[in-house]
Protein backbone atom coordinates (compact mmCIF):
# COMPACT_ATOMS: atom_id res chain seq x y z
CA MET A 1 207.06 48.40 28.38
CA LYS A 2 205.28 51.75 28.33
CA THR A 3 202.27 52.45 30.53
CA ILE A 4 199.89 55.27 31.43
CA LEU A 5 198.64 56.10 34.94
CA PHE A 6 194.95 56.87 35.45
CA SER A 7 193.73 58.38 38.76
CA ARG A 8 190.42 59.80 39.94
CA VAL A 9 188.97 61.40 43.08
CA SER A 10 185.18 61.29 43.22
CA SER A 11 184.38 63.53 46.19
CA ARG A 12 185.86 66.32 48.29
CA GLU A 13 185.70 64.06 51.34
CA GLN A 14 187.95 61.52 49.65
CA GLU A 15 190.44 64.23 48.76
CA GLU A 16 190.49 65.48 52.37
CA THR A 17 190.94 62.00 53.92
CA GLY A 18 194.08 60.81 52.15
CA TYR A 19 192.73 59.89 48.72
CA SER A 20 193.96 63.00 46.92
CA LEU A 21 195.18 62.84 43.34
CA PRO A 22 198.87 63.29 44.34
CA SER A 23 198.63 60.37 46.80
CA GLN A 24 197.05 58.16 44.12
CA GLU A 25 199.68 59.15 41.56
CA LYS A 26 202.44 58.33 44.05
CA LEU A 27 200.98 54.86 44.63
CA LEU A 28 200.65 54.20 40.86
CA LYS A 29 204.17 55.49 40.17
CA GLU A 30 205.72 53.22 42.83
CA TYR A 31 203.88 50.23 41.36
CA ALA A 32 205.08 51.04 37.83
CA GLU A 33 208.68 51.32 39.05
CA ARG A 34 208.49 47.94 40.80
CA LYS A 35 207.22 46.39 37.57
CA GLU A 36 209.90 48.27 35.59
CA PHE A 37 207.30 49.96 33.38
CA LYS A 38 208.13 53.26 31.69
CA ILE A 39 205.47 55.90 32.43
CA ALA A 40 204.44 57.60 29.17
CA LYS A 41 201.75 59.93 30.54
CA LYS A 42 199.48 60.56 33.53
CA PHE A 43 195.71 61.16 33.31
CA SER A 44 193.67 62.36 36.29
CA ILE A 45 190.14 63.54 37.05
CA SER A 46 189.38 65.79 40.02
CA GLU A 47 186.22 65.69 42.12
CA SER A 48 185.25 69.12 40.80
CA ALA A 49 185.25 68.02 37.15
CA SER A 50 181.95 68.04 35.28
CA GLY A 51 180.56 64.90 33.67
CA ARG A 52 181.42 66.29 30.24
CA TYR A 53 185.04 66.90 31.27
CA GLN A 54 185.34 63.38 32.76
CA ARG A 55 184.08 61.87 29.50
CA LYS A 56 186.53 64.04 27.53
CA THR A 57 189.50 62.95 29.69
CA PHE A 58 188.57 59.28 29.43
CA ASN A 59 188.30 59.50 25.63
CA GLU A 60 191.63 61.35 25.44
CA MET A 61 193.24 58.54 27.40
CA LEU A 62 191.89 55.85 25.04
CA ASP A 63 192.93 57.86 22.01
CA TYR A 64 196.44 58.38 23.41
CA ILE A 65 197.13 54.71 24.12
CA GLU A 66 195.82 53.72 20.67
CA ARG A 67 197.99 56.26 18.83
CA ASN A 68 201.12 55.48 20.84
CA ASN A 69 200.63 51.70 20.96
CA ILE A 70 200.68 51.62 24.76
CA LYS A 71 199.57 48.28 26.13
CA ILE A 72 199.31 48.82 29.88
CA ILE A 73 196.93 50.92 31.98
CA ILE A 74 197.58 51.24 35.72
CA CYS A 75 194.93 52.50 38.16
CA GLU A 76 194.10 52.05 41.81
CA LYS A 77 190.91 49.99 41.46
CA VAL A 78 187.96 49.42 39.13
CA ASP A 79 185.85 52.38 40.19
CA ARG A 80 188.84 54.73 39.63
CA LEU A 81 188.93 53.75 35.94
CA THR A 82 185.28 53.46 34.98
CA ARG A 83 181.93 54.42 36.50
CA ASN A 84 179.50 53.17 33.88
CA LEU A 85 178.83 50.28 31.53
CA LYS A 86 179.61 52.34 28.44
CA ASP A 87 183.20 52.98 29.56
CA ALA A 88 183.54 49.33 30.60
CA VAL A 89 182.60 48.23 27.07
CA CYS A 90 185.29 50.55 25.66
CA ILE A 91 187.90 49.00 27.97
CA ASN A 92 186.77 45.46 27.04
CA ASP A 93 187.00 46.29 23.31
CA TRP A 94 190.49 47.74 23.77
CA ILE A 95 191.68 44.66 25.70
CA ASN A 96 190.22 42.11 23.27
CA LYS A 97 192.07 43.58 20.27
CA ASP A 98 195.51 42.52 21.51
CA PRO A 99 196.50 39.72 23.92
CA GLU A 100 199.40 41.85 25.27
CA ARG A 101 197.13 44.63 26.51
CA GLN A 102 196.62 44.77 30.28
CA VAL A 103 194.78 46.77 32.92
CA HIS A 104 196.35 46.66 36.41
CA PHE A 105 194.14 47.29 39.46
CA ILE A 106 196.66 47.69 42.27
CA LYS A 107 194.55 47.58 45.43
CA GLU A 108 192.42 44.73 44.10
CA ASN A 109 195.53 42.76 43.07
CA CYS A 110 194.01 42.06 39.67
CA ILE A 111 195.36 42.20 36.11
CA LEU A 112 192.73 42.12 33.39
CA THR A 113 193.74 40.82 29.91
CA ARG A 114 192.08 39.13 26.96
CA GLU A 115 193.20 35.77 28.33
CA SER A 116 191.91 36.40 31.89
CA LYS A 117 189.84 33.61 33.38
CA SER A 118 186.09 33.84 33.18
CA ASN A 119 185.91 34.28 36.96
CA ASP A 120 188.18 37.38 36.80
CA LYS A 121 186.06 38.84 34.01
CA PHE A 122 182.92 38.08 36.01
CA ILE A 123 184.35 39.92 39.04
CA TRP A 124 185.35 42.82 36.75
CA ASN A 125 181.79 43.07 35.41
CA ILE A 126 180.32 42.92 38.91
CA LYS A 127 182.58 45.72 40.13
CA VAL A 128 181.67 47.86 37.13
CA SER A 129 178.00 47.33 37.95
CA VAL A 130 178.65 48.24 41.59
CA ALA A 131 180.42 51.42 40.45
CA GLN A 132 177.48 52.22 38.18
CA TYR A 133 175.10 51.66 41.11
CA TYR A 134 177.21 53.93 43.31
CA ILE A 135 177.07 56.76 40.75
CA ASP A 136 173.33 56.34 40.17
CA ASN A 137 172.63 56.32 43.90
CA LEU A 138 174.89 59.34 44.43
CA SER A 139 173.01 61.19 41.70
CA GLU A 140 169.67 60.40 43.34
CA GLU A 141 170.90 61.65 46.72
CA VAL A 142 172.25 64.85 45.19
CA LYS A 143 168.96 65.53 43.38
CA LYS A 144 167.02 64.81 46.58
CA GLY A 145 169.22 67.25 48.49
CA GLN A 146 168.80 69.88 45.79
CA LYS A 147 165.03 69.48 45.83
CA GLU A 148 164.94 69.85 49.61
CA LYS A 149 167.14 72.95 49.42
CA ILE A 150 164.84 74.53 46.85
CA SER A 151 161.76 73.74 48.99
CA GLN A 152 163.46 75.58 51.87
CA GLY A 153 163.85 78.66 49.66
CA TRP A 154 167.60 78.46 48.98
CA LEU A 155 169.40 77.93 45.68
CA PRO A 156 171.47 74.68 45.80
CA THR A 157 174.39 76.21 43.93
CA VAL A 158 176.65 79.24 43.85
CA PRO A 159 174.57 82.46 43.80
CA PRO A 160 175.01 85.05 41.02
CA LEU A 161 177.28 88.08 41.33
CA GLY A 162 176.09 90.46 44.03
CA TYR A 163 175.56 87.65 46.58
CA LYS A 164 177.85 85.40 48.62
CA THR A 165 177.42 82.13 50.51
CA ILE A 166 177.85 81.78 54.27
CA GLY A 167 177.27 78.93 56.75
CA ASP A 168 178.44 75.34 57.23
CA LYS A 169 177.70 72.38 54.99
CA GLY A 170 173.98 71.64 54.90
CA LYS A 171 173.16 75.05 56.38
CA LYS A 172 174.53 77.38 53.73
CA ILE A 173 172.54 80.48 52.82
CA HIS A 174 173.02 83.40 50.44
CA ILE A 175 173.41 86.99 51.57
CA ILE A 176 174.08 90.25 49.74
CA ASP A 177 177.71 90.95 48.87
CA ASN A 178 178.09 94.59 49.88
CA ASP A 179 181.07 95.07 47.57
CA LYS A 180 179.43 93.95 44.33
CA ALA A 181 175.72 94.55 45.07
CA PRO A 182 175.75 98.32 44.33
CA LEU A 183 177.40 97.66 40.97
CA ILE A 184 174.85 94.97 40.06
CA LYS A 185 171.99 97.30 40.99
CA LYS A 186 173.49 100.07 38.86
CA MET A 187 173.86 97.59 35.98
CA PHE A 188 170.10 96.96 36.04
CA GLU A 189 169.28 100.66 36.33
CA LEU A 190 171.50 101.63 33.40
CA TYR A 191 170.15 98.93 31.09
CA ALA A 192 166.56 99.84 31.98
CA THR A 193 167.13 103.30 30.47
CA SER A 194 167.29 101.69 26.97
CA ASN A 195 170.39 103.79 26.28
CA TYR A 196 172.90 100.96 26.65
CA SER A 197 173.61 98.00 24.40
CA LEU A 198 174.98 94.87 26.07
CA LYS A 199 178.41 95.58 24.64
CA LYS A 200 178.36 99.17 25.87
CA LEU A 201 177.12 98.04 29.30
CA VAL A 202 179.97 95.51 29.56
CA GLU A 203 182.48 98.32 28.98
CA THR A 204 180.71 100.71 31.36
CA MET A 205 180.45 98.23 34.24
CA HIS A 206 184.08 97.15 33.76
CA ASN A 207 185.13 100.79 34.08
CA GLU A 208 182.95 101.07 37.19
CA GLY A 209 184.87 98.17 38.76
CA LEU A 210 182.58 95.14 38.27
CA ARG A 211 184.55 91.89 37.92
CA THR A 212 183.81 88.17 38.02
CA ARG A 213 184.71 86.15 41.11
CA TYR A 214 188.06 85.42 39.45
CA GLY A 215 188.78 89.08 38.73
CA ASN A 216 187.99 88.97 35.01
CA GLN A 217 185.79 91.19 32.86
CA LEU A 218 182.22 90.00 32.32
CA VAL A 219 181.52 88.77 28.81
CA LYS A 220 178.38 89.88 27.00
CA SER A 221 176.59 86.52 27.25
CA ARG A 222 177.22 86.32 31.01
CA LEU A 223 175.96 89.86 31.54
CA ALA A 224 172.77 89.04 29.60
CA SER A 225 172.34 85.95 31.81
CA LEU A 226 172.64 88.08 34.97
CA LEU A 227 170.09 90.57 33.66
CA SER A 228 167.65 87.67 33.15
CA ASP A 229 168.16 86.05 36.56
CA PRO A 230 165.06 86.34 38.82
CA PHE A 231 167.30 85.63 41.83
CA TYR A 232 167.89 89.38 42.13
CA TYR A 233 164.24 90.14 42.97
CA GLY A 234 163.78 87.22 45.36
CA LYS A 235 163.01 84.18 43.17
CA ASN A 236 164.94 80.98 42.50
CA ARG A 237 165.12 79.46 39.01
CA TRP A 238 165.98 75.77 39.04
CA LYS A 239 165.36 73.25 36.26
CA ASN A 240 163.38 75.92 34.35
CA GLU A 241 160.98 76.38 37.28
CA ILE A 242 160.59 79.59 39.28
CA THR A 243 160.09 79.25 43.04
CA ASN A 244 160.06 81.64 45.99
CA GLY A 245 163.45 82.37 47.53
CA LYS A 246 164.47 83.46 51.01
CA GLN A 247 167.36 85.67 49.89
CA GLU A 248 167.05 89.43 50.34
CA PRO A 249 166.03 91.02 47.00
CA LEU A 250 168.60 93.31 45.46
CA ILE A 251 166.15 95.04 43.09
CA GLY A 252 162.38 95.35 42.76
CA LYS A 253 160.33 93.30 40.33
CA GLU A 254 159.30 96.48 38.49
CA LEU A 255 162.90 97.22 37.56
CA PHE A 256 163.51 93.57 36.65
CA ASP A 257 160.44 93.52 34.37
CA LYS A 258 161.51 96.74 32.69
CA VAL A 259 164.95 95.25 32.00
CA GLN A 260 163.30 92.16 30.46
CA ASP A 261 161.21 94.39 28.19
CA VAL A 262 164.37 96.10 26.97
CA LEU A 263 166.38 92.88 26.74
CA HIS A 264 163.80 90.91 24.74
CA GLY A 265 162.03 93.76 22.96
CA LYS A 266 162.19 94.42 19.23
CA SER A 267 164.03 97.70 19.81
CA THR A 268 166.85 96.25 21.91
CA PRO A 269 169.71 98.81 22.05
CA LYS A 270 172.47 98.09 19.54
CA TYR A 271 176.14 98.84 19.91
CA ARG A 272 177.16 102.02 18.09
CA LYS A 273 180.76 102.83 17.33
CA HIS A 274 179.95 106.56 17.04
CA LEU A 275 177.28 107.67 19.50
CA PHE A 276 176.56 111.24 18.49
CA GLU A 277 174.80 113.31 21.12
CA PHE A 278 171.71 114.05 19.02
CA LYS A 279 171.57 110.86 16.94
CA GLY A 280 167.92 109.87 16.48
CA LEU A 281 166.65 112.74 18.67
CA LEU A 282 165.99 115.52 16.14
CA LYS A 283 163.46 115.55 13.28
CA CYS A 284 163.29 117.77 10.23
CA THR A 285 160.41 120.23 10.64
CA GLU A 286 159.55 120.16 6.92
CA CYS A 287 159.59 116.45 6.02
CA GLY A 288 159.59 114.75 9.46
CA GLY A 289 162.70 112.71 8.67
CA THR A 290 165.37 112.03 11.27
CA ILE A 291 168.35 114.39 11.17
CA THR A 292 171.56 112.60 10.10
CA TRP A 293 174.84 113.30 11.93
CA GLU A 294 178.30 113.04 10.41
CA LYS A 295 181.81 113.87 11.51
CA HIS A 296 184.09 115.92 9.21
CA LYS A 297 187.55 117.17 10.20
CA GLY A 298 186.80 116.73 13.90
CA MET A 299 183.45 118.58 13.82
CA VAL A 300 180.03 116.89 14.04
CA TYR A 301 177.39 118.19 11.61
CA GLY A 302 173.66 117.48 11.36
CA HIS A 303 171.57 117.73 8.20
CA CYS A 304 168.37 116.48 6.59
CA ASN A 305 168.70 113.70 4.01
CA HIS A 306 165.91 115.33 1.94
CA TYR A 307 163.13 112.85 2.55
CA ARG A 308 160.02 113.47 0.43
CA ASN A 309 161.75 116.18 -1.63
CA CYS A 310 162.60 118.26 1.43
CA SER A 311 164.14 121.65 0.59
CA GLN A 312 166.25 122.15 3.72
CA GLU A 313 169.94 122.56 2.81
CA THR A 314 171.44 123.89 6.04
CA TRP A 315 174.12 121.83 7.81
CA VAL A 316 174.23 122.72 11.51
CA LYS A 317 177.14 122.18 13.88
CA GLU A 318 176.53 120.16 17.04
CA PRO A 319 177.79 122.96 19.38
CA GLU A 320 175.21 125.34 17.86
CA ILE A 321 172.38 122.98 18.87
CA GLU A 322 173.91 122.63 22.33
CA GLN A 323 173.91 126.42 22.81
CA GLN A 324 170.23 126.57 21.82
CA LEU A 325 169.40 123.82 24.30
CA ILE A 326 171.23 125.60 27.10
CA LYS A 327 169.04 128.67 26.49
CA VAL A 328 165.95 126.45 26.78
CA PHE A 329 167.22 125.02 30.07
CA ASP A 330 167.82 128.59 31.27
CA GLU A 331 164.12 129.31 30.77
CA LEU A 332 163.25 126.51 33.23
CA GLN A 333 165.06 128.19 36.11
CA ILE A 334 162.94 130.13 38.62
CA LYS A 335 163.97 133.72 39.24
CA ASP A 336 161.41 134.39 41.95
CA ALA A 337 162.38 132.44 45.08
CA THR A 338 158.84 132.76 46.48
CA PHE A 339 157.59 130.45 43.76
CA THR A 340 159.92 127.68 44.96
CA ASP A 341 158.03 127.37 48.25
CA TRP A 342 154.68 127.52 46.44
CA ILE A 343 155.44 124.68 44.02
CA LYS A 344 156.65 122.47 46.88
CA GLY A 345 153.43 123.21 48.72
CA ALA A 346 151.42 122.39 45.60
CA LEU A 347 153.14 119.02 45.30
CA LYS A 348 152.33 118.23 48.93
CA GLU A 349 148.66 119.11 48.35
CA SER A 350 148.48 116.87 45.29
CA HIS A 351 150.14 114.11 47.31
CA LYS A 352 147.18 114.06 49.74
CA ASP A 353 144.81 113.13 46.91
CA GLU A 354 147.14 110.39 45.75
CA MET A 355 147.43 109.03 49.29
CA GLY A 356 143.65 108.62 49.38
CA TYR A 357 143.67 106.81 46.04
CA TYR A 358 146.42 104.41 47.05
CA GLN A 359 144.83 103.71 50.44
CA SER A 360 141.53 102.82 48.77
CA SER A 361 143.32 100.47 46.37
CA LEU A 362 145.23 98.88 49.24
CA ASN A 363 142.01 98.14 51.11
CA GLU A 364 140.56 96.34 48.06
CA LEU A 365 143.76 94.37 47.51
CA ASN A 366 143.89 93.26 51.15
CA LYS A 367 140.28 92.05 50.96
CA ARG A 368 141.08 90.02 47.86
CA ASN A 369 144.17 88.61 49.53
CA GLU A 370 142.10 87.37 52.47
CA GLN A 371 139.62 85.71 50.08
CA ILE A 372 142.40 83.87 48.25
CA GLN A 373 143.90 82.67 51.55
CA LYS A 374 140.51 81.27 52.66
CA ARG A 375 140.21 79.42 49.33
CA LEU A 376 143.68 77.93 49.81
CA ASP A 377 142.72 76.75 53.30
CA ARG A 378 139.49 75.14 52.03
CA LEU A 379 141.36 73.56 49.14
CA TYR A 380 143.81 71.92 51.54
CA ASP A 381 140.98 70.60 53.71
CA ASP A 382 139.26 69.14 50.64
CA LYS A 383 142.46 67.36 49.70
CA LEU A 384 142.82 65.85 53.19
CA ASP A 385 139.18 64.70 53.11
CA SER A 386 139.72 63.18 49.62
CA ILE A 387 136.96 65.37 48.19
CA ILE A 388 139.23 66.38 45.30
CA THR A 389 141.99 64.52 43.48
CA LYS A 390 145.65 65.36 43.78
CA GLU A 391 145.69 66.63 40.18
CA THR A 392 142.82 69.05 40.90
CA TYR A 393 144.50 70.20 44.11
CA ASP A 394 147.83 70.85 42.35
CA LYS A 395 146.12 72.77 39.54
CA LYS A 396 144.02 74.97 41.84
CA PHE A 397 146.85 75.46 44.32
CA LYS A 398 149.10 76.76 41.56
CA GLN A 399 146.34 79.06 40.27
CA TYR A 400 145.52 80.55 43.70
CA SER A 401 149.18 80.82 44.71
CA GLU A 402 150.05 82.79 41.58
CA GLU A 403 147.10 85.12 42.13
CA LYS A 404 148.05 85.59 45.78
CA GLU A 405 151.62 86.37 44.80
CA ASN A 406 150.46 88.97 42.26
CA ILE A 407 148.22 90.59 44.88
CA ILE A 408 151.05 90.75 47.42
CA GLN A 409 153.28 92.33 44.77
CA SER A 410 150.55 94.89 44.00
CA ILE A 411 150.19 95.70 47.71
CA GLN A 412 153.94 96.31 47.94
CA ASN A 413 153.87 98.44 44.79
CA HIS A 414 151.00 100.59 46.10
CA SER A 415 152.72 101.00 49.47
CA ARG A 416 155.83 102.32 47.74
CA ALA A 417 153.99 104.27 45.05
CA SER A 418 152.33 106.74 47.40
CA ILE A 419 155.78 107.77 48.60
CA ASN A 420 157.37 107.54 45.15
CA TYR A 421 154.73 109.84 43.69
CA PHE A 422 155.71 112.74 45.93
CA GLU A 423 159.44 112.03 45.58
CA LEU A 424 159.07 111.83 41.79
CA GLY A 425 157.40 115.23 41.64
CA MET A 426 160.13 116.79 43.75
CA ASN A 427 162.84 115.13 41.66
CA ILE A 428 161.33 116.47 38.43
CA TYR A 429 161.17 119.95 39.91
CA GLU A 430 164.77 119.74 41.14
CA LEU A 431 165.89 118.41 37.77
CA SER A 432 164.23 121.34 35.98
CA GLN A 433 166.28 123.75 38.12
CA ARG A 434 169.54 121.89 37.59
CA ALA A 435 169.08 120.90 33.94
CA ARG A 436 171.44 123.60 32.62
CA GLU A 437 174.14 122.70 35.13
CA ILE A 438 173.88 118.96 34.48
CA TYR A 439 173.89 119.39 30.70
CA SER A 440 176.80 121.85 30.68
CA THR A 441 179.10 119.92 33.00
CA THR A 442 178.66 116.30 31.88
CA LYS A 443 180.97 114.95 29.18
CA ASP A 444 179.07 111.69 28.72
CA ASN A 445 176.82 111.71 25.63
CA GLU A 446 174.71 108.91 27.12
CA ARG A 447 173.78 111.08 30.11
CA LYS A 448 173.09 114.10 27.91
CA ARG A 449 170.75 112.02 25.75
CA GLN A 450 169.06 110.71 28.89
CA LEU A 451 168.41 114.25 30.11
CA ILE A 452 167.06 115.34 26.72
CA ASN A 453 164.68 112.36 26.60
CA LEU A 454 163.36 113.23 30.06
CA VAL A 455 162.74 116.92 29.36
CA PHE A 456 161.43 116.84 25.77
CA ASP A 457 158.85 114.86 23.84
CA ASN A 458 159.94 116.26 20.45
CA LEU A 459 162.91 118.17 19.07
CA ASN A 460 162.70 119.59 15.54
CA LEU A 461 165.19 121.39 13.32
CA ASN A 462 164.33 124.03 10.71
CA GLU A 463 167.25 125.58 8.80
CA GLY A 464 169.46 125.30 11.89
CA LYS A 465 166.82 126.63 14.30
CA LEU A 466 165.66 124.35 17.12
CA SER A 467 162.00 123.97 18.10
CA PHE A 468 160.71 121.65 20.79
CA VAL A 469 157.79 120.20 22.77
CA TYR A 470 158.28 119.63 26.50
CA SER A 471 157.26 116.37 28.10
CA LYS A 472 154.09 116.90 30.17
CA PRO A 473 155.69 117.41 33.63
CA PHE A 474 158.23 119.92 32.31
CA GLU A 475 155.57 121.66 30.24
CA VAL A 476 153.57 122.35 33.41
CA ILE A 477 156.66 123.63 35.21
CA ALA A 478 157.67 125.77 32.21
CA ARG A 479 154.19 127.39 32.06
CA ALA A 480 154.25 128.18 35.76
CA ILE A 481 157.80 129.52 35.62
CA GLY A 482 156.97 131.59 32.55
CA ILE A 483 154.28 133.42 34.50
CA THR A 484 156.40 134.03 37.62
CA ASN A 485 159.40 135.16 35.58
CA SER A 486 157.35 137.64 33.53
CA SER A 487 157.35 141.38 34.17
CA LYS A 488 153.84 141.16 35.66
CA VAL A 489 154.53 139.35 38.94
CA LEU A 490 151.38 137.67 40.24
CA ASN A 491 150.28 137.42 43.85
CA LEU A 492 151.19 133.82 44.66
CA THR A 493 148.86 133.63 47.62
CA HIS A 494 145.89 133.86 45.23
CA MET A 495 147.30 131.46 42.70
CA SER A 496 145.28 128.29 42.18
CA ILE A 497 147.03 124.95 42.00
CA LYS A 498 144.67 123.85 39.27
CA ASN A 499 145.89 126.64 36.98
CA PHE A 500 149.09 124.68 36.42
CA GLU A 501 147.74 121.13 36.81
CA LEU A 502 150.50 120.28 39.28
CA SER A 503 148.43 117.46 40.75
CA ASN A 504 148.96 115.64 37.45
CA LEU A 505 152.66 116.35 37.32
CA ALA A 506 153.88 112.75 37.30
CA LEU A 507 150.88 110.94 35.90
CA LYS A 508 150.36 112.33 32.40
CA ASN A 509 153.48 110.86 30.83
CA THR A 510 154.49 107.20 30.84
CA LYS A 511 158.18 108.12 30.96
CA PHE A 512 157.79 109.21 34.58
CA GLY A 513 156.11 106.24 36.26
CA ALA A 514 157.24 104.72 39.55
CA LYS A 515 159.41 102.31 37.61
CA CYS A 516 161.59 105.09 36.19
CA PRO A 517 165.15 104.74 37.59
CA GLU A 518 166.69 107.63 35.62
CA LEU A 519 166.02 110.68 37.80
CA ASN A 520 167.86 109.95 41.05
CA PRO A 521 171.17 108.85 39.45
CA MET A 522 171.15 111.97 37.28
CA LEU A 523 170.46 114.26 40.25
CA ARG A 524 173.21 112.60 42.29
CA ARG A 525 175.68 113.48 39.56
């Protein structure tokens, strides 16, 4: 008679102490040979299998024995075959359809059939209930352990890419993976620029060397999941709840929030098969419509689509626009070296004012933080003295804790911002001096578009001629450079900082806030 073998290992400990799947299969095979049964197929479930996979394997086994008219199932014992009442009902239904059908439990020396005595069936039902109890209890213990782990500030599962797990069982923690962490950070920075679709970012990060733990390329859905994971800025998300984590943050919350705005915004970047350098960047001077770009015989041309009866007919070649831009970047370069020292001094002077502003804000935030902490202390005392109910305590505790967390985040932001302000001004200045070099040497259209977006607020085209409006920081630099590069050289020692509004260099345009990650990567290139 034909039979199938069914084996299962429920925990790693069982597998390591002699109850591995191969050892079970060997035991079942020897039993089948003694009984002179012909083994038709083997089914097994490992300890690492998910509940869905276990259910799938069990159903496949039932379907196989029905289709092939197999009448004998051999397994080690009851809890190797079934762990819940639902599966037990399926086995009972299968047995009761044919008196020749049998289930052999080797270690329990029991054969279950339709004609089994009531006592054997009673024992079978008891053992199924015990197995169900074991699974339910195991589930409760696992959930309790997970809850305790979360309360300690650690995620009770494998951390996302960029982190790795160290430590022994029960004392495992997550630390930064120095191999993958720089790539994950760059992934966030690139997506925050709004110049990358998810599909384009997948390709870019694969080329940069980012792989899954199994060495495969990230798929788009997985990359989107990583970009949405608060674990990277120091939070744990478990069962749709966000809690504080003890892992070292890989990025700041500002960058994470900016990525979420791009990821869930209405203008989420879309994948483009042909990303022309100036696509969506130039407007027609006459009608205000966006210049359309097309490729003909290997050359890219731009033209107006004649919105609102526009009369412009000129088709301009992409290299012609590039040459005009290079001339504009040339005009940003300082010819008088004395001015370089002056502008750096001006930035330092403006930084002193900003330092005073940030210090004042920090003082106010620290006062508010102390007030919130006192309220939390009083709230806890009121709970101990039964002055307030548990529901009121939980509600107020959540409210004050969230406010305290926001204040602490603001304190950290202000502490960094005073330094970032000065660094940002210097980066903008350095970028203005290297704009021509960066634009001329890079072959990546994404980076060229990024540079153009930083330097200009508007680019317009009129019969092939380019006109433009600088973004505020570059406008100030261009005005100052225009004066120093003119034939009438001014005495810099008498030049007033206010003449060029350098103190407002980084504050008059939202593109250049402290959250902006674009400048440093571009300058490093």
